[in-house]
């Protein structure tokens, strides 16, 4: 099984983006390490798009 590439942690795909108090308060110059970040599973991933093209 190949390792999953780490995805960027960005507010736009976070499951908590509607109620987050820290939204977009991070510097764009550094790596964002939000302790509350959880990717929204309702949104498609790049793997989903690749899988659709193969079928």
N, C-alpha and C. Protein backbone atom coordinates (compact mmCIF):
# COMPACT_ATOMS: atom_id res chain seq x y z
N UNK A 1 0.85 -1.18 0.00
CA UNK A 1 0.00 0.00 0.00
C UNK A 1 0.89 1.24 0.00
N UNK A 2 0.67 2.13 -0.94
CA UNK A 2 1.50 3.33 -1.03
C UNK A 2 1.04 4.38 -0.02
N UNK A 3 1.98 5.17 0.48
CA UNK A 3 1.62 6.21 1.44
C UNK A 3 0.75 7.28 0.78
N UNK A 4 -0.19 7.80 1.54
CA UNK A 4 -1.08 8.84 1.04
C UNK A 4 -0.34 10.17 1.13
N UNK A 5 -0.24 10.91 0.02
CA UNK A 5 0.45 12.20 0.09
C UNK A 5 -0.31 13.15 1.01
N UNK A 6 0.44 13.90 1.78
CA UNK A 6 -0.19 14.83 2.71
C UNK A 6 -0.81 15.98 1.96
N UNK A 7 -2.05 16.25 2.27
CA UNK A 7 -2.80 17.31 1.61
C UNK A 7 -2.62 18.61 2.40
N UNK A 8 -2.68 19.73 1.71
CA UNK A 8 -2.58 21.02 2.39
C UNK A 8 -3.76 21.18 3.33
N UNK A 9 -3.49 21.79 4.47
CA UNK A 9 -4.53 22.08 5.46
C UNK A 9 -5.05 23.48 5.17
N UNK A 10 -6.20 23.55 4.53
CA UNK A 10 -6.76 24.86 4.21
C UNK A 10 -8.21 24.95 4.70
N UNK A 11 -8.60 26.13 5.08
CA UNK A 11 -9.92 26.36 5.67
C UNK A 11 -11.07 25.97 4.73
N UNK A 12 -10.87 26.11 3.44
CA UNK A 12 -11.95 25.91 2.48
C UNK A 12 -12.47 24.46 2.47
N UNK A 13 -11.62 23.51 2.84
CA UNK A 13 -12.05 22.10 2.83
C UNK A 13 -12.21 21.53 4.23
N UNK A 14 -12.16 22.38 5.24
CA UNK A 14 -12.30 21.93 6.62
C UNK A 14 -13.76 21.69 6.97
N UNK A 15 -14.02 20.63 7.70
CA UNK A 15 -15.39 20.30 8.10
C UNK A 15 -15.97 21.34 9.06
N UNK A 16 -15.12 22.07 9.74
CA UNK A 16 -15.57 23.07 10.72
C UNK A 16 -15.61 24.48 10.17
N UNK A 17 -15.50 24.65 8.86
CA UNK A 17 -15.36 25.99 8.28
C UNK A 17 -16.54 26.93 8.57
N UNK A 18 -17.73 26.40 8.78
CA UNK A 18 -18.89 27.27 9.04
C UNK A 18 -18.86 27.90 10.42
N UNK A 19 -18.35 27.16 11.41
CA UNK A 19 -18.40 27.65 12.79
C UNK A 19 -17.03 28.00 13.36
N UNK A 20 -15.99 27.94 12.55
CA UNK A 20 -14.63 28.17 13.02
C UNK A 20 -14.39 29.63 13.39
N UNK A 21 -13.73 29.82 14.53
CA UNK A 21 -13.38 31.18 14.98
C UNK A 21 -11.99 31.58 14.49
N UNK A 22 -11.21 30.61 14.01
CA UNK A 22 -9.84 30.87 13.57
C UNK A 22 -9.75 31.01 12.06
N UNK A 23 -10.86 30.93 11.38
CA UNK A 23 -10.91 30.88 9.92
C UNK A 23 -10.03 31.94 9.27
N UNK A 24 -9.16 31.50 8.39
CA UNK A 24 -8.30 32.37 7.59
C UNK A 24 -7.42 33.29 8.44
N UNK A 25 -7.16 32.94 9.68
CA UNK A 25 -6.34 33.80 10.53
C UNK A 25 -4.88 33.39 10.54
N UNK A 26 -4.50 32.46 9.64
CA UNK A 26 -3.13 31.97 9.60
C UNK A 26 -2.34 32.71 8.54
N UNK A 27 -1.04 32.79 8.75
CA UNK A 27 -0.15 33.45 7.81
C UNK A 27 0.05 32.58 6.58
N UNK A 28 0.06 33.18 5.42
CA UNK A 28 0.25 32.42 4.18
C UNK A 28 1.72 32.06 3.96
N UNK A 29 2.61 32.64 4.74
CA UNK A 29 4.03 32.39 4.56
C UNK A 29 4.50 31.08 5.20
N UNK A 30 3.74 30.55 6.14
CA UNK A 30 4.17 29.34 6.84
C UNK A 30 3.19 28.20 6.66
N UNK A 31 3.58 27.06 7.20
CA UNK A 31 2.72 25.88 7.14
C UNK A 31 1.64 26.02 8.21
N UNK A 32 0.41 25.81 7.82
CA UNK A 32 -0.70 25.94 8.74
C UNK A 32 -0.88 24.65 9.52
N UNK A 33 -0.87 24.72 10.82
CA UNK A 33 -1.08 23.56 11.68
C UNK A 33 -2.25 23.86 12.61
N UNK A 34 -3.46 23.79 12.09
CA UNK A 34 -4.63 24.07 12.90
C UNK A 34 -5.00 22.81 13.69
N UNK A 35 -5.10 22.91 15.01
CA UNK A 35 -5.42 21.74 15.82
C UNK A 35 -6.84 21.23 15.60
N UNK A 36 -7.72 22.06 15.07
CA UNK A 36 -9.11 21.67 14.86
C UNK A 36 -9.39 21.16 13.45
N UNK A 37 -8.39 21.21 12.56
CA UNK A 37 -8.62 20.86 11.16
C UNK A 37 -9.04 19.40 10.99
N UNK A 38 -10.13 19.23 10.26
CA UNK A 38 -10.60 17.92 9.84
C UNK A 38 -11.14 18.09 8.43
N UNK A 39 -10.63 17.30 7.48
CA UNK A 39 -11.09 17.43 6.11
C UNK A 39 -12.55 17.02 6.02
N UNK A 40 -13.34 17.82 5.30
CA UNK A 40 -14.76 17.54 5.12
C UNK A 40 -14.91 16.34 4.19
N UNK A 41 -15.44 15.25 4.71
CA UNK A 41 -15.56 14.02 3.93
C UNK A 41 -16.64 14.09 2.85
N UNK A 42 -17.48 15.12 2.90
CA UNK A 42 -18.51 15.30 1.86
C UNK A 42 -17.91 15.81 0.56
N UNK A 43 -16.73 16.42 0.63
CA UNK A 43 -16.07 16.98 -0.55
C UNK A 43 -15.24 15.91 -1.24
N UNK A 44 -15.22 15.90 -2.57
CA UNK A 44 -14.42 14.90 -3.29
C UNK A 44 -12.93 15.16 -3.12
N UNK A 45 -12.15 14.10 -3.19
CA UNK A 45 -10.70 14.22 -3.10
C UNK A 45 -10.11 14.03 -4.49
N UNK A 46 -8.83 14.30 -4.63
CA UNK A 46 -8.15 14.07 -5.92
C UNK A 46 -8.20 12.60 -6.28
N UNK A 47 -8.13 11.71 -5.30
CA UNK A 47 -8.20 10.28 -5.56
C UNK A 47 -9.55 9.90 -6.15
N UNK A 48 -10.63 10.53 -5.69
CA UNK A 48 -11.96 10.25 -6.23
C UNK A 48 -12.04 10.63 -7.70
N UNK A 49 -11.46 11.77 -8.05
CA UNK A 49 -11.48 12.24 -9.43
C UNK A 49 -10.69 11.31 -10.34
N UNK A 50 -9.54 10.84 -9.85
CA UNK A 50 -8.70 9.92 -10.62
C UNK A 50 -9.42 8.60 -10.82
N UNK A 51 -10.07 8.11 -9.79
CA UNK A 51 -10.80 6.85 -9.87
C UNK A 51 -11.94 6.92 -10.88
N UNK A 52 -12.65 8.07 -10.94
CA UNK A 52 -13.74 8.24 -11.89
C UNK A 52 -13.24 8.20 -13.34
N UNK A 53 -12.06 8.78 -13.59
CA UNK A 53 -11.51 8.80 -14.94
C UNK A 53 -11.13 7.42 -15.42
N UNK A 54 -10.67 6.56 -14.51
CA UNK A 54 -10.24 5.21 -14.87
C UNK A 54 -11.41 4.30 -15.22
N UNK A 55 -12.57 4.55 -14.66
CA UNK A 55 -13.72 3.66 -14.92
C UNK A 55 -14.51 4.05 -16.13
